[in-house]
Protein backbone atom coordinates (compact mmCIF):
# COMPACT_ATOMS: atom_id res chain seq x y z
CA MET A 1 70.73 -40.30 128.37
CA GLN A 2 68.25 -37.60 127.30
CA LYS A 3 64.57 -37.78 128.41
CA GLU A 4 62.07 -37.73 125.54
CA GLY A 5 61.07 -34.18 126.02
CA GLU A 6 64.96 -33.00 126.17
CA VAL A 7 65.21 -34.84 122.77
CA GLU A 8 62.58 -32.97 121.29
CA PHE A 9 63.80 -29.58 122.79
CA THR A 10 67.32 -30.55 121.10
CA ILE A 11 65.98 -31.31 117.77
CA MET A 12 64.01 -28.17 117.76
CA LYS A 13 67.02 -26.00 118.67
CA LYS A 14 69.18 -27.83 115.81
CA ILE A 15 66.24 -26.74 113.42
CA ILE A 16 66.07 -23.03 114.77
CA TYR A 17 69.81 -22.88 114.70
CA VAL A 18 69.81 -23.97 111.17
CA LEU A 19 67.47 -21.46 110.14
CA LEU A 20 69.20 -18.79 111.51
CA ILE A 21 72.47 -19.50 109.93
CA VAL A 22 71.56 -20.54 106.24
CA LEU A 23 71.81 -17.99 103.48
CA THR A 24 68.80 -16.54 101.92
CA PHE A 25 67.83 -16.92 98.38
CA SER A 26 65.00 -15.14 96.18
CA GLY A 27 62.97 -15.83 93.19
CA ALA A 28 59.39 -15.80 91.83
CA ALA A 29 57.68 -16.19 88.68
CA SER A 30 56.43 -13.18 87.15
CA ALA A 31 53.01 -14.79 85.55
CA ARG A 32 50.34 -16.93 87.18
CA TYR A 33 50.34 -20.47 85.85
CA ILE A 34 49.09 -23.66 87.60
CA ASN A 35 49.81 -26.91 86.19
CA GLY A 36 50.22 -25.63 82.78
CA ILE A 37 47.31 -23.18 82.60
CA ASN A 38 47.88 -19.34 82.38
CA TRP A 39 45.69 -17.38 84.23
CA ALA A 40 44.60 -13.67 84.23
CA ASP A 41 47.68 -11.91 86.50
CA SER A 42 45.68 -8.68 87.05
CA VAL A 43 42.76 -6.21 86.40
CA TYR A 44 44.11 -3.69 84.00
CA SER A 45 40.80 -1.58 84.29
CA HIS A 46 37.31 -1.50 84.92
CA THR A 47 34.37 0.76 84.95
CA ASP A 48 32.74 2.03 88.09
CA LYS A 49 29.74 0.13 88.37
CA ILE A 50 31.66 -3.15 88.59
CA GLN A 51 30.81 -4.99 91.49
CA SER A 52 30.72 -8.41 93.62
CA TRP A 53 27.77 -10.68 93.68
CA ALA A 54 27.67 -10.87 97.57
CA ASP A 55 24.43 -10.09 98.96
CA GLY A 56 22.40 -11.14 102.13
CA TYR A 57 20.25 -13.57 100.54
CA CYS A 58 22.82 -15.40 98.73
CA GLY A 59 25.21 -15.87 101.78
CA GLY A 60 27.12 -12.54 101.41
CA PRO A 61 27.61 -9.48 103.50
CA GLY A 62 25.79 -7.32 100.88
CA ALA A 63 26.43 -6.03 97.22
CA MET A 64 30.15 -4.43 97.03
CA LEU A 65 31.08 -1.91 94.45
CA MET A 66 34.59 -2.57 93.22
CA ASP A 67 37.12 0.02 94.33
CA SER A 68 40.20 0.39 91.71
CA ASN A 69 42.46 1.22 94.79
CA THR A 70 41.95 -2.07 96.57
CA PRO A 71 42.62 -5.90 95.62
CA ALA A 72 39.03 -6.72 96.03
CA THR A 73 38.81 -5.14 92.47
CA THR A 74 41.49 -7.75 91.13
CA TRP A 75 41.45 -10.88 92.84
CA LEU A 76 37.95 -11.77 92.73
CA VAL A 77 38.48 -12.73 88.97
CA LEU A 78 42.11 -13.97 89.20
CA GLY A 79 43.55 -17.28 89.61
CA PRO A 80 41.92 -20.48 89.65
CA ASN A 81 38.11 -20.90 89.44
CA ASP A 82 37.13 -20.65 93.13
CA ALA A 83 33.25 -19.59 93.12
CA ASP A 84 32.52 -23.63 93.07
CA GLN A 85 34.32 -25.52 95.83
CA ASN A 86 32.34 -29.00 95.24
CA GLY A 87 32.81 -28.96 91.60
CA ASN A 88 29.01 -29.22 90.33
CA MET A 89 29.35 -25.96 88.46
CA TYR A 90 26.78 -24.19 90.59
CA ALA A 91 28.36 -21.09 92.38
CA TRP A 92 25.75 -20.67 95.21
CA ASP A 93 26.36 -23.62 97.35
CA PHE A 94 27.48 -21.56 100.23
CA GLU A 95 26.52 -24.39 103.03
CA GLN A 96 29.12 -26.52 101.01
CA GLY A 97 32.04 -23.88 101.00
CA ASP A 98 31.16 -21.85 97.86
CA ARG A 99 32.34 -18.34 98.05
CA ASP A 100 31.28 -14.99 96.16
CA TYR A 101 34.48 -14.51 94.77
CA VAL A 102 32.99 -13.37 91.28
CA ALA A 103 32.74 -9.56 89.98
CA GLY A 104 30.46 -8.23 87.30
CA TRP A 105 27.48 -6.07 86.91
CA ARG A 106 23.95 -7.10 88.00
CA THR A 107 21.56 -4.08 87.91
CA GLY A 108 19.18 -3.30 84.67
CA SER A 109 19.25 0.44 85.77
CA PRO A 110 20.37 2.58 82.68
CA LEU A 111 23.09 3.86 85.33
CA HIS A 112 24.93 0.64 84.99
CA ALA A 113 24.98 0.71 81.03
CA ASP A 114 28.38 0.28 79.06
CA GLN A 115 30.32 -1.74 81.86
CA GLU A 116 33.33 -3.62 81.07
CA ILE A 117 36.49 -5.22 82.62
CA ILE A 118 40.18 -5.70 81.28
CA VAL A 119 42.21 -8.07 82.53
CA LYS A 120 45.83 -8.45 81.51
CA PHE A 121 47.88 -11.50 81.33
CA GLU A 122 51.87 -11.01 82.00
CA THR A 123 52.88 -13.88 79.78
CA GLY A 124 50.92 -13.66 76.66
CA ILE A 125 48.35 -16.09 75.29
CA GLU A 126 49.43 -17.86 72.04
CA ASP A 127 47.02 -18.40 68.84
CA ILE A 128 46.99 -22.13 68.84
CA ASP A 129 45.06 -24.31 66.89
CA GLY A 130 41.75 -24.42 68.38
CA ASP A 131 40.33 -22.56 71.57
CA ASP A 132 42.74 -20.09 73.16
CA ILE A 133 40.93 -18.54 76.18
CA VAL A 134 38.14 -19.87 78.33
CA ILE A 135 36.05 -17.28 80.74
CA ARG A 136 33.91 -19.05 83.58
CA ILE A 137 30.48 -17.12 84.14
CA PHE A 138 27.23 -17.10 85.46
CA CYS A 139 24.62 -14.56 83.95
CA GLY A 140 20.72 -13.81 83.53
CA PRO A 141 18.64 -15.19 80.70
CA ILE A 142 18.99 -11.85 78.56
CA ALA A 143 22.54 -11.11 79.36
CA VAL A 144 24.97 -10.29 76.45
CA ALA A 145 28.44 -9.32 76.59
CA SER A 146 30.81 -8.81 73.74
CA VAL A 147 34.44 -10.06 74.20
CA TRP A 148 37.60 -8.63 72.66
CA ALA A 149 41.40 -9.44 72.65
CA GLY A 150 44.39 -7.35 72.11
CA THR A 151 48.12 -7.45 72.01
CA ASP A 152 48.22 -3.95 74.06
CA ALA A 153 45.26 -2.16 76.20
CA ASN A 154 44.49 0.34 73.38
CA ASP A 155 43.59 -1.61 70.13
CA PHE A 156 40.82 -4.46 70.85
CA VAL A 157 39.68 -6.86 68.01
CA GLN A 158 36.20 -8.91 68.90
CA ILE A 159 36.69 -12.63 69.30
CA GLY A 160 33.14 -13.44 70.36
CA THR A 161 29.89 -12.82 72.39
CA ILE A 162 28.68 -14.29 75.50
CA GLU A 163 24.92 -14.44 75.47
CA GLY A 164 22.41 -15.74 78.36
CA ARG A 165 19.33 -17.97 77.50
CA LEU A 166 16.04 -19.06 79.00
CA ASP A 167 16.00 -21.88 81.17
CA GLU A 168 19.49 -22.90 80.05
CA THR A 169 23.24 -22.64 80.82
CA PRO A 170 24.30 -19.78 80.55
CA GLY A 171 21.17 -17.73 81.65
CA MET A 172 20.31 -19.17 85.16
CA GLY A 173 21.39 -17.66 88.16
CA GLY A 174 24.65 -19.22 89.74
CA CYS A 175 24.98 -21.87 86.93
CA LEU A 176 28.47 -21.56 85.96
CA TYR A 177 29.50 -21.94 82.50
CA ASP A 178 32.80 -21.94 80.27
CA ALA A 179 32.92 -19.78 77.38
CA PHE A 180 35.47 -20.66 75.03
CA PHE A 181 36.91 -18.45 72.31
CA ASP A 182 39.44 -19.23 69.53
CA PHE A 183 41.66 -16.31 68.03
CA ASN A 184 41.36 -17.46 64.79
CA GLY A 185 44.60 -16.42 63.19
CA MET A 186 43.54 -12.59 63.82
CA PHE A 187 46.78 -11.99 65.90
CA ALA A 188 50.50 -12.31 64.91
CA GLU A 189 51.89 -11.64 68.25
CA ASP A 190 50.79 -13.04 71.58
CA VAL A 191 47.67 -11.42 73.27
CA ASN A 192 48.03 -9.94 76.74
CA PHE A 193 44.59 -8.24 76.92
CA ILE A 194 41.28 -9.66 77.41
CA ARG A 195 38.11 -7.27 77.34
CA VAL A 196 34.56 -7.97 78.10
CA PHE A 197 31.90 -5.21 77.37
CA ARG A 198 28.34 -5.09 78.35
CA GLU A 199 25.80 -4.93 75.52
CA VAL A 200 22.43 -5.32 77.32
CA THR A 201 21.30 -3.01 80.16
CA GLU A 202 17.78 -4.55 81.17
CA ALA A 203 16.26 -6.72 83.85
CA GLN A 204 18.01 -10.26 84.11
CA SER A 205 20.98 -9.05 81.81
CA GLY A 206 23.43 -9.42 85.01
CA MET A 207 26.85 -11.45 84.30
CA PHE A 208 29.49 -12.25 86.72
CA PHE A 209 33.03 -13.95 86.11
CA ASP A 210 34.87 -16.13 88.22
CA SER A 211 38.14 -16.46 86.09
CA PHE A 212 39.84 -16.04 82.85
CA SER A 213 42.38 -18.48 81.76
CA THR A 214 44.07 -20.09 78.38
CA ALA A 215 41.93 -23.01 77.42
CA TYR A 216 45.12 -24.84 76.44
CA ILE A 217 47.98 -26.49 78.64
CA ASP A 218 51.66 -25.81 78.40
CA GLU A 219 53.89 -28.61 79.30
CA PRO A 220 57.56 -27.62 80.15
CA PHE A 221 60.66 -28.80 77.84
CA ASP A 222 63.20 -27.57 80.57
CA CYS A 223 63.45 -26.46 84.10
CA ASN A 224 63.08 -23.13 83.54
CA GLU A 225 59.46 -23.80 82.03
CA VAL A 226 58.69 -26.46 84.81
CA GLY A 227 58.49 -23.42 87.30
CA LEU A 228 57.04 -20.98 84.86
CA PHE A 229 54.43 -23.21 84.04
CA GLY A 230 53.46 -23.95 87.73
CA TRP A 231 54.69 -27.65 87.59
CA ALA A 232 57.19 -27.02 90.27
CA LEU A 233 57.14 -29.20 93.56
CA ALA A 234 55.82 -27.72 96.43
CA GLY A 235 59.03 -27.97 98.37
CA ASP A 236 61.15 -26.36 95.33
CA ILE A 237 60.86 -22.82 96.24
CA ASP A 238 63.61 -21.41 94.31
CA LYS A 239 62.07 -23.15 91.15
CA SER A 240 65.45 -25.25 90.42
CA CYS A 241 63.72 -28.60 89.76
CA TYR A 242 65.63 -29.93 92.79
CA VAL A 243 64.34 -29.74 96.61
CA ASP A 244 67.54 -28.97 98.39
CA MET A 245 69.02 -26.85 101.10
CA LYS A 246 68.44 -23.84 99.05
CA ASP A 247 64.72 -24.20 99.35
CA PHE A 248 65.34 -24.71 102.86
CA ALA A 249 67.28 -21.37 103.08
CA LEU A 250 64.10 -19.77 101.51
CA LEU A 251 61.80 -21.12 104.07
CA ALA A 252 64.23 -19.96 106.69
CA LYS A 253 63.98 -16.39 105.45
CA LEU A 254 60.40 -15.63 106.66
CA TRP A 255 60.32 -18.35 109.35
CA GLN A 256 57.35 -17.74 111.64
CA LYS A 257 56.14 -14.69 109.38
CA CYS A 258 52.46 -14.51 109.05
CA ASN A 259 50.76 -12.37 106.13
CA ASP A 260 47.13 -13.45 107.10
CA PRO A 261 45.23 -10.33 107.52
CA ASN A 262 42.70 -11.99 109.92
CA ALA A 263 45.50 -13.58 112.13
CA ASP A 264 46.65 -11.78 115.67
CA ASP A 265 50.40 -12.03 114.61
CA PHE A 266 49.83 -10.40 111.29
CA ASP A 267 52.72 -8.70 109.74
CA GLY A 268 51.56 -5.85 107.55
CA THR A 269 55.18 -4.88 106.64
CA LEU A 270 55.29 -8.24 104.05
CA PHE A 271 53.09 -6.19 101.50
CA ASP A 272 54.63 -3.64 99.47
CA ASP A 273 51.36 -1.56 99.77
CA PRO A 274 49.66 -1.01 102.82
CA ASN A 275 46.45 0.04 101.20
CA SER A 276 46.42 -2.78 98.76
CA ILE A 277 46.08 -5.90 101.27
CA PRO A 278 43.27 -8.35 100.81
CA SER A 279 40.54 -9.15 103.44
CA SER A 280 41.71 -12.96 103.62
CA CYS A 281 44.38 -15.47 103.25
CA HIS A 282 42.35 -16.73 100.30
CA GLY A 283 42.41 -13.36 98.72
CA VAL A 284 46.18 -13.06 99.70
CA TRP A 285 47.04 -16.04 97.55
CA GLN A 286 44.54 -14.75 94.93
CA ALA A 287 45.99 -11.62 94.39
CA GLY A 288 49.58 -13.29 93.94
CA MET A 289 50.90 -11.93 97.32
CA GLY A 290 51.76 -15.53 98.81
CA LEU A 291 55.15 -15.92 100.90
CA ALA A 292 57.93 -18.00 99.38
CA GLY A 293 58.08 -20.78 101.70
CA ASP A 294 54.32 -20.86 102.61
CA LEU A 295 54.01 -24.26 101.35
CA ASN A 296 50.38 -25.14 102.16
CA GLN A 297 49.49 -21.47 101.48
CA ASP A 298 47.94 -20.93 105.15
CA CYS A 299 49.70 -17.75 105.30
CA ARG A 300 51.87 -18.67 107.86
CA ILE A 301 55.78 -20.02 107.54
CA ASP A 302 55.79 -22.76 110.17
CA PHE A 303 56.41 -26.31 110.87
CA LEU A 304 53.56 -27.56 109.00
CA ASP A 305 55.62 -26.04 106.10
CA LEU A 306 58.64 -27.56 107.09
CA GLN A 307 57.06 -30.98 107.02
CA ILE A 308 55.99 -30.63 103.28
CA PHE A 309 59.55 -29.67 102.53
CA ALA A 310 60.94 -32.54 104.67
CA GLU A 311 58.58 -35.13 102.77
CA GLN A 312 59.84 -33.79 99.30
CA TYR A 313 63.51 -33.43 100.33
CA LEU A 314 65.94 -34.62 97.57
CA THR A 315 62.99 -35.10 95.21
CA CYS A 316 63.24 -33.55 91.73
CA ASN A 317 61.41 -32.86 88.46
CA ASN A 318 64.00 -31.75 86.01
CA PRO A 319 63.00 -32.66 82.26
CA ASP A 320 66.81 -32.72 81.64
CA ASP A 321 67.83 -35.11 84.38
CA SER A 322 66.74 -38.83 83.81
CA ASN A 323 66.82 -39.58 87.39
CA CYS A 324 63.95 -37.03 88.07
CA SER A 325 60.35 -37.82 88.02
CA PRO A 326 58.03 -35.56 85.73
CA THR A 327 55.03 -33.98 87.67
CA TRP A 328 52.98 -33.54 84.34
């Protein structure tokens, strides 16, 4: 009869054995959807004075100009809103975990005039009834920026303006504001590019962006859209709408790999471009560089991910299968 320690060792050997022999599969969505919301996928371009908010008195290491050759340029304004961790729409609660993950323009110097940032959506934004996009910002009381949209990166149409207000929101430092915009029938095709341009360059005219996303939510009609729109179960790595051994195979493919830039066992070969590696695990996921199988998004494939998989094993959310349960 095996002792408890021997049983645990035997179970571990069996798991590792299965991990080694299962076939590998691959699959990933090309756009950044989370629970039906389409978030900007990349910063297409920006001017040379775009910077992060971070500075010494606001909890950061100091103002940092954005370099177009590093992911610091892009992931600060991509993916879900993350400058407000406690949900109070105030971005400077650093002691409560808020991060300086915003980018924009700050100084009123004439050298900082005519700044702009253009973000790209891989999957275009539809012109629906009502609001189409939302930009989360904070800004100074006299800040003004024009907002433009385009089906390509060369031809833009102005869709609105963001203006700060004295002693109101937007207009008070750190107080986040959601600016909504309606395409209002101006586009026959889906919009892929959103441009924001600085119109005022004076003191208290700074403006910083937390995120760009659709103002509407897409719900899936079939399994393909379940994965595309970000409704997949955590354990459904191959986006088949079923958590099964194929997903286990994907977990096995990168078993015990680590892509956390701050970890001792960090594996830089997991990135296509060694010169574009974010500075943190959070940045890795914001930049869309997370590993398939990293179910808890801690940048490490290990037994914590296996536990999540096991909890969801044999569950499904296929809209075409009456035996499955929807997650939307």
